[in-house]
PDB file of all heavy atoms in Angstrom:
ATOM      1  N   ALA A   1     104.035  73.111 131.352  1.00  0.00           N
ATOM      2  CA  ALA A   1     105.126  73.234 130.309  1.00  0.00           C
ATOM      3  C   ALA A   1     104.980  72.236 129.228  1.00  0.00           C
ATOM      4  O   ALA A   1     105.416  72.411 128.083  1.00  0.00           O
ATOM      5  CB  ALA A   1     106.454  73.147 130.914  1.00  0.00           C
ATOM      6  N   THR A   2     104.398  70.977 129.503  1.00  0.00           N
ATOM      7  CA  THR A   2     104.491  69.946 128.494  1.00  0.00           C
ATOM      8  C   THR A   2     103.105  69.366 127.966  1.00  0.00           C
ATOM      9  O   THR A   2     103.089  68.823 126.895  1.00  0.00           O
ATOM     10  CB  THR A   2     105.179  68.775 129.126  1.00  0.00           C
ATOM     11  OG1 THR A   2     104.620  68.379 130.350  1.00  0.00           O
ATOM     12  CG2 THR A   2     106.650  69.263 129.486  1.00  0.00           C
ATOM     13  N   VAL A   3     102.025  69.419 128.852  1.00  0.00           N
ATOM     14  CA  VAL A   3     100.793  68.622 128.460  1.00  0.00           C
ATOM     15  C   VAL A   3     100.200  69.191 127.180  1.00  0.00           C
ATOM     16  O   VAL A   3      99.720  68.305 126.392  1.00  0.00           O
ATOM     17  CB  VAL A   3      99.754  68.804 129.657  1.00  0.00           C
ATOM     18  CG1 VAL A   3      98.386  68.450 129.199  1.00  0.00           C
ATOM     19  CG2 VAL A   3     100.293  67.906 130.869  1.00  0.00           C
ATOM     20  N   HIS A   4     100.266  70.456 126.969  1.00  0.00           N
ATOM     21  CA  HIS A   4      99.537  70.969 125.758  1.00  0.00           C
ATOM     22  C   HIS A   4     100.487  71.324 124.570  1.00  0.00           C
ATOM     23  O   HIS A   4     100.322  72.103 123.713  1.00  0.00           O
ATOM     24  CB  HIS A   4      98.775  72.205 126.121  1.00  0.00           C
ATOM     25  CG  HIS A   4      97.814  71.967 127.196  1.00  0.00           C
ATOM     26  ND1 HIS A   4      96.708  71.072 127.017  1.00  0.00           N
ATOM     27  CD2 HIS A   4      97.598  72.535 128.482  1.00  0.00           C
ATOM     28  CE1 HIS A   4      96.005  70.981 128.111  1.00  0.00           C
ATOM     29  NE2 HIS A   4      96.541  71.924 128.970  1.00  0.00           N
ATOM     30  N   GLY A   5     101.702  70.606 124.513  1.00  0.00           N
ATOM     31  CA  GLY A   5     102.704  70.728 123.517  1.00  0.00           C
ATOM     32  C   GLY A   5     103.776  71.739 123.923  1.00  0.00           C
ATOM     33  O   GLY A   5     103.869  72.161 125.119  1.00  0.00           O
ATOM     34  N   SER A   6     104.583  72.191 123.060  1.00  0.00           N
ATOM     35  CA  SER A   6     105.669  73.109 123.296  1.00  0.00           C
ATOM     36  C   SER A   6     105.124  74.428 123.826  1.00  0.00           C
ATOM     37  O   SER A   6     104.169  74.966 123.269  1.00  0.00           O
ATOM     38  CB  SER A   6     106.454  73.299 122.067  1.00  0.00           C
ATOM     39  OG  SER A   6     107.534  74.162 122.333  1.00  0.00           O
ATOM     40  N   THR A   7     105.736  74.959 124.864  1.00  0.00           N
ATOM     41  CA  THR A   7     105.271  76.237 125.396  1.00  0.00           C
ATOM     42  C   THR A   7     106.488  77.172 125.696  1.00  0.00           C
ATOM     43  O   THR A   7     107.589  76.753 125.544  1.00  0.00           O
ATOM     44  CB  THR A   7     104.524  76.036 126.764  1.00  0.00           C
ATOM     45  OG1 THR A   7     105.476  75.635 127.779  1.00  0.00           O
ATOM     46  CG2 THR A   7     103.441  74.845 126.607  1.00  0.00           C
ATOM     47  N   TRP A   8     106.089  78.296 126.222  1.00  0.00           N
ATOM     48  CA  TRP A   8     107.224  79.306 126.599  1.00  0.00           C
ATOM     49  C   TRP A   8     107.782  78.992 127.935  1.00  0.00           C
ATOM     50  O   TRP A   8     108.693  79.705 128.432  1.00  0.00           O
ATOM     51  CB  TRP A   8     106.530  80.716 126.634  1.00  0.00           C
ATOM     52  CG  TRP A   8     105.254  80.755 127.406  1.00  0.00           C
ATOM     53  CD1 TRP A   8     104.053  80.583 126.863  1.00  0.00           C
ATOM     54  CD2 TRP A   8     105.122  80.946 128.816  1.00  0.00           C
ATOM     55  NE1 TRP A   8     103.074  80.626 127.855  1.00  0.00           N
ATOM     56  CE2 TRP A   8     103.687  80.835 129.031  1.00  0.00           C
ATOM     57  CE3 TRP A   8     106.008  81.118 129.857  1.00  0.00           C
ATOM     58  CZ2 TRP A   8     103.156  80.980 130.346  1.00  0.00           C
ATOM     59  CZ3 TRP A   8     105.452  81.263 131.176  1.00  0.00           C
ATOM     60  CH2 TRP A   8     104.094  81.147 131.386  1.00  0.00           C
ATOM     61  N   ILE A   9     107.277  77.888 128.665  1.00  0.00           N
ATOM     62  CA  ILE A   9     107.750  77.565 129.993  1.00  0.00           C
ATOM     63  C   ILE A   9     109.078  76.758 129.863  1.00  0.00           C
ATOM     64  O   ILE A   9     108.993  75.566 129.725  1.00  0.00           O
ATOM     65  CB  ILE A   9     106.705  76.844 130.785  1.00  0.00           C
ATOM     66  CG1 ILE A   9     105.422  77.673 130.869  1.00  0.00           C
ATOM     67  CG2 ILE A   9     107.233  76.625 132.214  1.00  0.00           C
ATOM     68  CD1 ILE A   9     104.193  77.001 131.508  1.00  0.00           C
ATOM     69  N   THR A  10     110.149  77.418 129.716  1.00  0.00           N
ATOM     70  CA  THR A  10     111.436  76.769 129.465  1.00  0.00           C
ATOM     71  C   THR A  10     111.983  76.268 130.771  1.00  0.00           C
ATOM     72  O   THR A  10     111.469  76.483 131.859  1.00  0.00           O
ATOM     73  CB  THR A  10     112.466  77.752 128.848  1.00  0.00           C
ATOM     74  OG1 THR A  10     112.613  78.846 129.824  1.00  0.00           O
ATOM     75  CG2 THR A  10     111.871  78.375 127.502  1.00  0.00           C
ATOM     76  N   ARG A  11     113.102  75.513 130.575  1.00  0.00           N
ATOM     77  CA  ARG A  11     113.767  74.990 131.731  1.00  0.00           C
ATOM     78  C   ARG A  11     114.260  76.091 132.670  1.00  0.00           C
ATOM     79  O   ARG A  11     114.039  75.926 133.998  1.00  0.00           O
ATOM     80  CB  ARG A  11     115.023  74.151 131.315  1.00  0.00           C
ATOM     81  CG  ARG A  11     115.845  73.547 132.433  1.00  0.00           C
ATOM     82  CD  ARG A  11     115.121  72.344 132.982  1.00  0.00           C
ATOM     83  NE  ARG A  11     114.627  72.575 134.355  1.00  0.00           N
ATOM     84  CZ  ARG A  11     113.861  71.764 135.019  1.00  0.00           C
ATOM     85  NH1 ARG A  11     113.531  70.680 134.556  1.00  0.00           N
ATOM     86  NH2 ARG A  11     113.512  72.054 136.267  1.00  0.00           N
ATOM     87  N   ARG A  12     114.704  77.166 132.157  1.00  0.00           N
ATOM     88  CA  ARG A  12     115.043  78.341 133.000  1.00  0.00           C
ATOM     89  C   ARG A  12     113.818  78.936 133.751  1.00  0.00           C
ATOM     90  O   ARG A  12     113.949  79.217 134.926  1.00  0.00           O
ATOM     91  CB  ARG A  12     115.561  79.438 132.130  1.00  0.00           C
ATOM     92  CG  ARG A  12     117.033  79.269 131.652  1.00  0.00           C
ATOM     93  CD  ARG A  12     117.442  80.463 130.886  1.00  0.00           C
ATOM     94  NE  ARG A  12     116.756  80.709 129.683  1.00  0.00           N
ATOM     95  CZ  ARG A  12     116.786  81.814 128.987  1.00  0.00           C
ATOM     96  NH1 ARG A  12     117.456  82.816 129.311  1.00  0.00           N
ATOM     97  NH2 ARG A  12     116.020  81.865 127.853  1.00  0.00           N
ATOM     98  N   MET A  13     112.661  78.941 133.073  1.00  0.00           N
ATOM     99  CA  MET A  13     111.493  79.350 133.761  1.00  0.00           C
ATOM    100  C   MET A  13     111.020  78.433 134.837  1.00  0.00           C
ATOM    101  O   MET A  13     110.715  78.890 135.946  1.00  0.00           O
ATOM    102  CB  MET A  13     110.358  79.433 132.745  1.00  0.00           C
ATOM    103  CG  MET A  13     110.491  80.597 131.731  1.00  0.00           C
ATOM    104  SD  MET A  13     110.233  82.272 132.295  1.00  0.00           S
ATOM    105  CE  MET A  13     108.416  82.300 132.433  1.00  0.00           C
ATOM    106  N   ILE A  14     111.087  77.139 134.585  1.00  0.00           N
ATOM    107  CA  ILE A  14     110.751  76.238 135.682  1.00  0.00           C
ATOM    108  C   ILE A  14     111.647  76.346 136.845  1.00  0.00           C
ATOM    109  O   ILE A  14     111.157  76.485 138.022  1.00  0.00           O
ATOM    110  CB  ILE A  14     110.839  74.774 135.055  1.00  0.00           C
ATOM    111  CG1 ILE A  14     109.722  74.528 134.099  1.00  0.00           C
ATOM    112  CG2 ILE A  14     110.758  73.747 136.199  1.00  0.00           C
ATOM    113  CD1 ILE A  14     109.812  73.230 133.300  1.00  0.00           C
ATOM    114  N   ASP A  15     112.969  76.411 136.604  1.00  0.00           N
ATOM    115  CA  ASP A  15     113.861  76.492 137.705  1.00  0.00           C
ATOM    116  C   ASP A  15     113.674  77.815 138.533  1.00  0.00           C
ATOM    117  O   ASP A  15     113.696  77.858 139.694  1.00  0.00           O
ATOM    118  CB  ASP A  15     115.316  76.497 137.208  1.00  0.00           C
ATOM    119  CG  ASP A  15     115.747  75.164 136.695  1.00  0.00           C
ATOM    120  OD1 ASP A  15     115.059  74.117 136.984  1.00  0.00           O
ATOM    121  OD2 ASP A  15     116.731  75.068 135.926  1.00  0.00           O
ATOM    122  N   GLY A  16     113.416  78.896 137.795  1.00  0.00           N
ATOM    123  CA  GLY A  16     113.166  80.252 138.461  1.00  0.00           C
ATOM    124  C   GLY A  16     111.979  80.197 139.352  1.00  0.00           C
ATOM    125  O   GLY A  16     112.020  80.696 140.495  1.00  0.00           O
ATOM    126  N   TYR A  17     110.860  79.614 138.818  1.00  0.00           N
ATOM    127  CA  TYR A  17     109.577  79.653 139.545  1.00  0.00           C
ATOM    128  C   TYR A  17     109.708  78.563 140.789  1.00  0.00           C
ATOM    129  O   TYR A  17     109.030  78.766 141.787  1.00  0.00           O
ATOM    130  CB  TYR A  17     108.411  79.425 138.715  1.00  0.00           C
ATOM    131  CG  TYR A  17     108.143  80.763 137.922  1.00  0.00           C
ATOM    132  CD1 TYR A  17     108.813  81.025 136.776  1.00  0.00           C
ATOM    133  CD2 TYR A  17     107.238  81.654 138.561  1.00  0.00           C
ATOM    134  CE1 TYR A  17     108.484  82.229 136.124  1.00  0.00           C
ATOM    135  CE2 TYR A  17     107.002  82.908 137.803  1.00  0.00           C
ATOM    136  CZ  TYR A  17     107.578  83.102 136.599  1.00  0.00           C
ATOM    137  OH  TYR A  17     107.393  84.332 135.981  1.00  0.00           O
ATOM    138  N   LEU A  18     110.435  77.538 140.537  1.00  0.00           N
ATOM    139  CA  LEU A  18     110.633  76.590 141.667  1.00  0.00           C
ATOM    140  C   LEU A  18     111.342  77.249 142.817  1.00  0.00           C
ATOM    141  O   LEU A  18     111.050  77.102 143.967  1.00  0.00           O
ATOM    142  CB  LEU A  18     111.424  75.401 141.158  1.00  0.00           C
ATOM    143  CG  LEU A  18     110.568  74.319 140.330  1.00  0.00           C
ATOM    144  CD1 LEU A  18     111.539  73.262 139.800  1.00  0.00           C
ATOM    145  CD2 LEU A  18     109.489  73.731 141.176  1.00  0.00           C
ATOM    146  N   ARG A  19     112.315  78.073 142.437  1.00  0.00           N
ATOM    147  CA  ARG A  19     113.043  78.787 143.535  1.00  0.00           C
ATOM    148  C   ARG A  19     112.149  79.792 144.214  1.00  0.00           C
ATOM    149  O   ARG A  19     112.181  79.954 145.417  1.00  0.00           O
ATOM    150  CB  ARG A  19     114.347  79.572 143.006  1.00  0.00           C
ATOM    151  CG  ARG A  19     115.431  78.711 142.521  1.00  0.00           C
ATOM    152  CD  ARG A  19     116.671  79.384 142.327  1.00  0.00           C
ATOM    153  NE  ARG A  19     116.597  80.384 141.187  1.00  0.00           N
ATOM    154  CZ  ARG A  19     116.871  80.098 139.913  1.00  0.00           C
ATOM    155  NH1 ARG A  19     117.187  78.896 139.548  1.00  0.00           N
ATOM    156  NH2 ARG A  19     116.729  81.020 138.989  1.00  0.00           N
ATOM    157  N   LEU A  20     111.261  80.479 143.416  1.00  0.00           N
ATOM    158  CA  LEU A  20     110.306  81.438 143.997  1.00  0.00           C
ATOM    159  C   LEU A  20     109.299  80.688 144.839  1.00  0.00           C
ATOM    160  O   LEU A  20     108.845  81.214 145.875  1.00  0.00           O
ATOM    161  CB  LEU A  20     109.661  82.208 142.844  1.00  0.00           C
ATOM    162  CG  LEU A  20     108.958  83.479 143.293  1.00  0.00           C
ATOM    163  CD1 LEU A  20     109.837  84.476 143.917  1.00  0.00           C
ATOM    164  CD2 LEU A  20     108.187  84.178 142.178  1.00  0.00           C
ATOM    165  N   HIS A  21     108.904  79.523 144.495  1.00  0.00           N
ATOM    166  CA  HIS A  21     108.080  78.707 145.292  1.00  0.00           C
ATOM    167  C   HIS A  21     108.700  78.366 146.645  1.00  0.00           C
ATOM    168  O   HIS A  21     107.959  78.408 147.725  1.00  0.00           O
ATOM    169  CB  HIS A  21     107.648  77.420 144.608  1.00  0.00           C
ATOM    170  CG  HIS A  21     106.858  76.456 145.373  1.00  0.00           C
ATOM    171  ND1 HIS A  21     105.618  76.747 145.886  1.00  0.00           N
ATOM    172  CD2 HIS A  21     107.176  75.244 145.857  1.00  0.00           C
ATOM    173  CE1 HIS A  21     105.118  75.703 146.606  1.00  0.00           C
ATOM    174  NE2 HIS A  21     106.030  74.831 146.574  1.00  0.00           N
ATOM    175  N   GLN A  22     109.974  78.097 146.641  1.00  0.00           N
ATOM    176  CA  GLN A  22     110.647  77.717 147.811  1.00  0.00           C
ATOM    177  C   GLN A  22     110.703  78.977 148.819  1.00  0.00           C
ATOM    178  O   GLN A  22     110.784  78.785 150.023  1.00  0.00           O
ATOM    179  CB  GLN A  22     112.057  77.356 147.566  1.00  0.00           C
ATOM    180  CG  GLN A  22     112.115  75.949 146.915  1.00  0.00           C
ATOM    181  CD  GLN A  22     113.484  75.582 146.282  1.00  0.00           C
ATOM    182  OE1 GLN A  22     114.376  76.315 146.390  1.00  0.00           O
ATOM    183  NE2 GLN A  22     113.471  74.422 145.656  1.00  0.00           N
ATOM    184  N   THR A  23     110.566  80.190 148.253  1.00  0.00           N
ATOM    185  CA  THR A  23     110.561  81.322 149.168  1.00  0.00           C
ATOM    186  C   THR A  23     109.158  81.581 149.695  1.00  0.00           C
ATOM    187  O   THR A  23     109.001  82.547 150.484  1.00  0.00           O
ATOM    188  CB  THR A  23     111.099  82.676 148.387  1.00  0.00           C
ATOM    189  OG1 THR A  23     110.110  82.994 147.417  1.00  0.00           O
ATOM    190  CG2 THR A  23     112.384  82.420 147.644  1.00  0.00           C
ATOM    191  N   GLY A  24     108.215  80.919 149.214  1.00  0.00           N
ATOM    192  CA  GLY A  24     106.837  81.057 149.664  1.00  0.00           C
ATOM    193  C   GLY A  24     105.968  82.079 148.857  1.00  0.00           C
ATOM    194  O   GLY A  24     104.948  82.477 149.330  1.00  0.00           O
ATOM    195  N   GLN A  25     106.480  82.467 147.665  1.00  0.00           N
ATOM    196  CA  GLN A  25     105.711  83.454 146.864  1.00  0.00           C
ATOM    197  C   GLN A  25     105.211  83.033 145.469  1.00  0.00           C
ATOM    198  O   GLN A  25     104.595  83.770 144.799  1.00  0.00           O
ATOM    199  CB  GLN A  25     106.569  84.799 146.773  1.00  0.00           C
ATOM    200  CG  GLN A  25     106.735  85.410 148.107  1.00  0.00           C
ATOM    201  CD  GLN A  25     107.284  86.864 148.020  1.00  0.00           C
ATOM    202  OE1 GLN A  25     108.480  87.064 148.055  1.00  0.00           O
ATOM    203  NE2 GLN A  25     106.382  87.771 147.937  1.00  0.00           N
ATOM    204  N   ALA A  26     105.504  81.712 145.223  1.00  0.00           N
ATOM    205  CA  ALA A  26     104.829  81.135 143.965  1.00  0.00           C
ATOM    206  C   ALA A  26     104.022  79.953 144.518  1.00  0.00           C
ATOM    207  O   ALA A  26     104.439  79.229 145.378  1.00  0.00           O
ATOM    208  CB  ALA A  26     105.881  80.656 142.986  1.00  0.00           C
ATOM    209  N   HIS A  27     102.883  79.814 143.939  1.00  0.00           N
ATOM    210  CA  HIS A  27     101.859  78.942 144.483  1.00  0.00           C
ATOM    211  C   HIS A  27     101.126  78.180 143.409  1.00  0.00           C
ATOM    212  O   HIS A  27     101.044  78.633 142.316  1.00  0.00           O
ATOM    213  CB  HIS A  27     100.829  79.633 145.354  1.00  0.00           C
ATOM    214  CG  HIS A  27     101.444  80.425 146.494  1.00  0.00           C
ATOM    215  ND1 HIS A  27     101.736  79.852 147.744  1.00  0.00           N
ATOM    216  CD2 HIS A  27     101.926  81.707 146.643  1.00  0.00           C
ATOM    217  CE1 HIS A  27     102.324  80.648 148.500  1.00  0.00           C
ATOM    218  NE2 HIS A  27     102.346  81.870 147.893  1.00  0.00           N
ATOM    219  N   SER A  28     100.647  77.062 143.822  1.00  0.00           N
ATOM    220  CA  SER A  28      99.843  76.232 142.872  1.00  0.00           C
ATOM    221  C   SER A  28      98.461  75.766 143.397  1.00  0.00           C
ATOM    222  O   SER A  28      98.365  75.606 144.623  1.00  0.00           O
ATOM    223  CB  SER A  28     100.636  74.977 142.458  1.00  0.00           C
ATOM    224  OG  SER A  28     100.985  74.239 143.592  1.00  0.00           O
ATOM    225  N   VAL A  29      97.553  75.503 142.501  1.00  0.00           N
ATOM    226  CA  VAL A  29      96.350  74.763 142.827  1.00  0.00           C
ATOM    227  C   VAL A  29      96.338  73.473 142.086  1.00  0.00           C
ATOM    228  O   VAL A  29      96.597  73.493 140.850  1.00  0.00           O
ATOM    229  CB  VAL A  29      95.108  75.557 142.434  1.00  0.00           C
ATOM    230  CG1 VAL A  29      93.791  74.836 142.818  1.00  0.00           C
ATOM    231  CG2 VAL A  29      95.126  76.956 143.081  1.00  0.00           C
ATOM    232  N   GLU A  30      96.148  72.355 142.723  1.00  0.00           N
ATOM    233  CA  GLU A  30      96.182  71.037 142.035  1.00  0.00           C
ATOM    234  C   GLU A  30      94.696  70.486 142.053  1.00  0.00           C
ATOM    235  O   GLU A  30      94.022  70.477 143.175  1.00  0.00           O
ATOM    236  CB  GLU A  30      97.050  70.143 142.821  1.00  0.00           C
ATOM    237  CG  GLU A  30      98.565  70.565 142.862  1.00  0.00           C
ATOM    238  CD  GLU A  30      98.804  71.441 144.139  1.00  0.00           C
ATOM    239  OE1 GLU A  30      97.963  71.425 145.080  1.00  0.00           O
ATOM    240  OE2 GLU A  30      99.861  72.146 144.133  1.00  0.00           O
ATOM    241  N   VAL A  31      94.377  69.812 140.953  1.00  0.00           N
ATOM    242  CA  VAL A  31      93.071  69.148 140.863  1.00  0.00           C
ATOM    243  C   VAL A  31      93.294  67.687 140.582  1.00  0.00           C
ATOM    244  O   VAL A  31      94.028  67.332 139.557  1.00  0.00           O
ATOM    245  CB  VAL A  31      92.196  69.732 139.728  1.00  0.00           C
ATOM    246  CG1 VAL A  31      90.909  69.017 139.600  1.00  0.00           C
ATOM    247  CG2 VAL A  31      92.003  71.211 139.942  1.00  0.00           C
ATOM    248  N   TRP A  32      92.815  66.846 141.442  1.00  0.00           N
ATOM    249  CA  TRP A  32      93.207  65.458 141.419  1.00  0.00           C
ATOM    250  C   TRP A  32      91.944  64.625 141.093  1.00  0.00           C
ATOM    251  O   TRP A  32      90.796  64.988 141.450  1.00  0.00           O
ATOM    252  CB  TRP A  32      93.757  64.965 142.790  1.00  0.00           C
ATOM    253  CG  TRP A  32      94.882  65.753 143.246  1.00  0.00           C
ATOM    254  CD1 TRP A  32      94.799  66.883 143.970  1.00  0.00           C
ATOM    255  CD2 TRP A  32      96.216  65.444 143.186  1.00  0.00           C
ATOM    256  NE1 TRP A  32      96.044  67.298 144.289  1.00  0.00           N
ATOM    257  CE2 TRP A  32      97.029  66.507 143.844  1.00  0.00           C
ATOM    258  CE3 TRP A  32      96.957  64.459 142.527  1.00  0.00           C
ATOM    259  CZ2 TRP A  32      98.368  66.488 143.929  1.00  0.00           C
ATOM    260  CZ3 TRP A  32      98.436  64.380 142.590  1.00  0.00           C
ATOM    261  CH2 TRP A  32      99.042  65.553 143.246  1.00  0.00           C
ATOM    262  N   HIS A  33      92.176  63.470 140.353  1.00  0.00           N
ATOM    263  CA  HIS A  33      91.112  62.508 140.152  1.00  0.00           C
ATOM    264  C   HIS A  33      91.647  61.134 140.239  1.00  0.00           C
ATOM    265  O   HIS A  33      92.655  60.726 139.581  1.00  0.00           O
ATOM    266  CB  HIS A  33      90.536  62.654 138.726  1.00  0.00           C
ATOM    267  CG  HIS A  33      89.548  61.554 138.361  1.00  0.00           C
ATOM    268  ND1 HIS A  33      88.270  61.653 138.853  1.00  0.00           N
ATOM    269  CD2 HIS A  33      89.549  60.567 137.567  1.00  0.00           C
ATOM    270  CE1 HIS A  33      87.497  60.655 138.444  1.00  0.00           C
ATOM    271  NE2 HIS A  33      88.333  59.935 137.622  1.00  0.00           N
TER     272      HIS A  33
END
């Protein structure tokens, strides 16, 4: 939502997908260095 400047990923979107993640149906891949 923030790294590449202003995006369509609003606070509402973040909250909605965080809830979906809690149900086990939204997922992420993380790349660490």
